[in-house]
């Protein structure tokens, strides 16, 4: 669910003091985007939002959530407007966030 190697890499790149700030900004931006997603009707705009979410997810090691965003984006691109399960995407994010918050301190201490 979480790519801990990426998390450790980011932690090493920006330092412990900035990591918490970056993590909180990531979570805030993702949650704001996910909250807006159900109201968007244009497939192109939805794909752009999914692309943004995927990039955020990969930056912080949320690999399962990134894959879910990629799959939803691919479905939309392939069918030019087919719907996808926004609730499932949100659940995947929430599960990833819970795992991240539950295990991050331990994973980073082992670095």
C-alpha atoms as a PDB file:
ATOM      1  CA  UNK A   1       0.000   0.000   0.000  1.00  0.00           C
ATOM      2  CA  UNK A   2       2.830   2.387   0.923  1.00  0.00           C
ATOM      3  CA  UNK A   3       6.186   2.520  -0.814  1.00  0.00           C
ATOM      4  CA  UNK A   4       8.286   3.022   2.277  1.00  0.00           C
ATOM      5  CA  UNK A   5      11.499   3.360   0.293  1.00  0.00           C
ATOM      6  CA  UNK A   6      10.048   6.466  -1.377  1.00  0.00           C
ATOM      7  CA  UNK A   7       8.954   7.820   2.006  1.00  0.00           C
ATOM      8  CA  UNK A   8      12.448   7.316   3.408  1.00  0.00           C
ATOM      9  CA  UNK A   9      13.971   8.908   0.299  1.00  0.00           C
ATOM     10  CA  UNK A  10      11.758  11.981   0.622  1.00  0.00           C
ATOM     11  CA  UNK A  11      12.474  12.186   4.344  1.00  0.00           C
ATOM     12  CA  UNK A  12      16.191  12.122   3.582  1.00  0.00           C
ATOM     13  CA  UNK A  13      15.884  14.717   0.809  1.00  0.00           C
ATOM     14  CA  UNK A  14      13.952  17.336   2.770  1.00  0.00           C
ATOM     15  CA  UNK A  15      14.910  16.489   6.341  1.00  0.00           C
ATOM     16  CA  UNK A  16      12.863  15.582   9.360  1.00  0.00           C
ATOM     17  CA  UNK A  17      11.915  19.177  10.170  1.00  0.00           C
ATOM     18  CA  UNK A  18      10.312  19.742   6.738  1.00  0.00           C
ATOM     19  CA  UNK A  19       8.861  16.275   6.286  1.00  0.00           C
ATOM     20  CA  UNK A  20       5.877  16.848   8.557  1.00  0.00           C
ATOM     21  CA  UNK A  21       5.021  20.096   6.771  1.00  0.00           C
ATOM     22  CA  UNK A  22       5.259  18.471   3.336  1.00  0.00           C
ATOM     23  CA  UNK A  23       3.180  15.501   4.472  1.00  0.00           C
ATOM     24  CA  UNK A  24       0.457  17.759   5.887  1.00  0.00           C
ATOM     25  CA  UNK A  25       0.386  19.865   2.720  1.00  0.00           C
ATOM     26  CA  UNK A  26       0.107  16.715   0.599  1.00  0.00           C
ATOM     27  CA  UNK A  27      -2.767  15.349   2.664  1.00  0.00           C
ATOM     28  CA  UNK A  28      -4.577  18.686   2.584  1.00  0.00           C
ATOM     29  CA  UNK A  29      -4.233  19.101  -1.203  1.00  0.00           C
ATOM     30  CA  UNK A  30      -5.316  15.530  -1.899  1.00  0.00           C
ATOM     31  CA  UNK A  31      -8.329  15.805   0.377  1.00  0.00           C
ATOM     32  CA  UNK A  32      -9.396  19.115  -1.185  1.00  0.00           C
ATOM     33  CA  UNK A  33      -9.113  17.618  -4.669  1.00  0.00           C
ATOM     34  CA  UNK A  34     -10.986  14.462  -3.688  1.00  0.00           C
ATOM     35  CA  UNK A  35     -13.770  16.607  -2.198  1.00  0.00           C
ATOM     36  CA  UNK A  36     -14.135  18.535  -5.484  1.00  0.00           C
ATOM     37  CA  UNK A  37     -13.918  15.490  -7.742  1.00  0.00           C
ATOM     38  CA  UNK A  38     -17.598  14.374  -7.507  1.00  0.00           C
ATOM     39  CA  UNK A  39     -18.806  17.800  -8.704  1.00  0.00           C
ATOM     40  CA  UNK A  40     -16.659  17.849 -11.858  1.00  0.00           C
ATOM     41  CA  UNK A  41     -18.418  16.646 -15.010  1.00  0.00           C
ATOM     42  CA  UNK A  42     -15.905  17.315 -17.788  1.00  0.00           C
ATOM     43  CA  UNK A  43     -13.841  14.161 -18.477  1.00  0.00           C
ATOM     44  CA  UNK A  44     -10.756  16.209 -19.340  1.00  0.00           C
ATOM     45  CA  UNK A  45     -10.881  18.082 -16.033  1.00  0.00           C
ATOM     46  CA  UNK A  46     -11.440  14.825 -14.144  1.00  0.00           C
ATOM     47  CA  UNK A  47      -8.401  13.317 -15.877  1.00  0.00           C
ATOM     48  CA  UNK A  48      -6.320  16.350 -14.922  1.00  0.00           C
ATOM     49  CA  UNK A  49      -7.415  15.989 -11.312  1.00  0.00           C
ATOM     50  CA  UNK A  50      -6.629  12.274 -11.338  1.00  0.00           C
ATOM     51  CA  UNK A  51      -3.211  13.021 -12.824  1.00  0.00           C
ATOM     52  CA  UNK A  52      -2.573  15.550 -10.049  1.00  0.00           C
ATOM     53  CA  UNK A  53      -3.685  13.058  -7.392  1.00  0.00           C
ATOM     54  CA  UNK A  54      -1.470  10.350  -8.883  1.00  0.00           C
ATOM     55  CA  UNK A  55       1.557  12.654  -8.809  1.00  0.00           C
ATOM     56  CA  UNK A  56       0.927  13.627  -5.203  1.00  0.00           C
ATOM     57  CA  UNK A  57       0.494  10.003  -4.251  1.00  0.00           C
ATOM     58  CA  UNK A  58       3.742   8.929  -5.893  1.00  0.00           C
ATOM     59  CA  UNK A  59       5.671  11.744  -4.218  1.00  0.00           C
ATOM     60  CA  UNK A  60       4.721  10.473  -0.789  1.00  0.00           C
ATOM     61  CA  UNK A  61       4.790   6.756  -1.518  1.00  0.00           C
ATOM     62  CA  UNK A  62       1.036   6.079  -1.693  1.00  0.00           C
ATOM     63  CA  UNK A  63       1.546   3.480  -4.413  1.00  0.00           C
ATOM     64  CA  UNK A  64      -1.848   1.759  -4.221  1.00  0.00           C
ATOM     65  CA  UNK A  65      -3.680   5.082  -4.347  1.00  0.00           C
ATOM     66  CA  UNK A  66      -1.499   6.211  -7.265  1.00  0.00           C
ATOM     67  CA  UNK A  67      -2.370   3.013  -9.135  1.00  0.00           C
ATOM     68  CA  UNK A  68      -6.091   3.539  -8.466  1.00  0.00           C
ATOM     69  CA  UNK A  69      -5.820   7.076  -9.884  1.00  0.00           C
ATOM     70  CA  UNK A  70      -3.943   5.775 -12.932  1.00  0.00           C
ATOM     71  CA  UNK A  71      -6.562   3.092 -13.589  1.00  0.00           C
ATOM     72  CA  UNK A  72      -9.433   5.575 -13.271  1.00  0.00           C
ATOM     73  CA  UNK A  73      -7.650   7.983 -15.594  1.00  0.00           C
ATOM     74  CA  UNK A  74      -7.040   5.217 -18.141  1.00  0.00           C
ATOM     75  CA  UNK A  75     -10.708   4.182 -18.051  1.00  0.00           C
ATOM     76  CA  UNK A  76     -11.808   7.751 -18.643  1.00  0.00           C
ATOM     77  CA  UNK A  77      -9.340   8.206 -21.495  1.00  0.00           C
ATOM     78  CA  UNK A  78     -10.277   4.909 -23.126  1.00  0.00           C
ATOM     79  CA  UNK A  79     -14.012   5.468 -23.074  1.00  0.00           C
ATOM     80  CA  UNK A  80     -14.029   9.258 -23.207  1.00  0.00           C
ATOM     81  CA  UNK A  81     -16.363   9.855 -20.351  1.00  0.00           C
ATOM     82  CA  UNK A  82     -17.055   6.526 -18.688  1.00  0.00           C
ATOM     83  CA  UNK A  83     -17.693   6.866 -15.013  1.00  0.00           C
ATOM     84  CA  UNK A  84     -15.481   5.432 -12.326  1.00  0.00           C
ATOM     85  CA  UNK A  85     -16.094   4.707  -8.673  1.00  0.00           C
ATOM     86  CA  UNK A  86     -15.132   7.896  -6.846  1.00  0.00           C
ATOM     87  CA  UNK A  87     -16.110   6.334  -3.508  1.00  0.00           C
ATOM     88  CA  UNK A  88     -13.664   3.459  -4.097  1.00  0.00           C
ATOM     89  CA  UNK A  89     -10.921   5.967  -4.905  1.00  0.00           C
ATOM     90  CA  UNK A  90     -11.656   7.855  -1.689  1.00  0.00           C
ATOM     91  CA  UNK A  91     -11.626   4.597   0.318  1.00  0.00           C
ATOM     92  CA  UNK A  92      -8.272   3.673  -1.187  1.00  0.00           C
ATOM     93  CA  UNK A  93      -6.879   7.061  -0.179  1.00  0.00           C
ATOM     94  CA  UNK A  94      -8.286   6.808   3.356  1.00  0.00           C
ATOM     95  CA  UNK A  95      -6.865   3.295   3.778  1.00  0.00           C
ATOM     96  CA  UNK A  96      -3.486   4.457   2.475  1.00  0.00           C
ATOM     97  CA  UNK A  97      -3.506   7.494   4.754  1.00  0.00           C
ATOM     98  CA  UNK A  98      -4.405   5.368   7.775  1.00  0.00           C
ATOM     99  CA  UNK A  99      -1.578   2.923   7.008  1.00  0.00           C
ATOM    100  CA  UNK A 100       0.844   5.782   6.455  1.00  0.00           C
ATOM    101  CA  UNK A 101      -0.061   7.540   9.710  1.00  0.00           C
ATOM    102  CA  UNK A 102      -0.020   4.273  11.651  1.00  0.00           C
ATOM    103  CA  UNK A 103       3.394   3.141  10.401  1.00  0.00           C
ATOM    104  CA  UNK A 104       5.377   6.211   9.295  1.00  0.00           C
ATOM    105  CA  UNK A 105       7.172   6.918  12.543  1.00  0.00           C
ATOM    106  CA  UNK A 106       8.339   3.331  12.899  1.00  0.00           C
ATOM    107  CA  UNK A 107       9.384   3.083   9.238  1.00  0.00           C
ATOM    108  CA  UNK A 108      11.341   6.334   9.398  1.00  0.00           C
ATOM    109  CA  UNK A 109      13.080   5.393  12.635  1.00  0.00           C
ATOM    110  CA  UNK A 110      14.334   2.241  10.918  1.00  0.00           C
ATOM    111  CA  UNK A 111      15.904   4.370   8.162  1.00  0.00           C
END
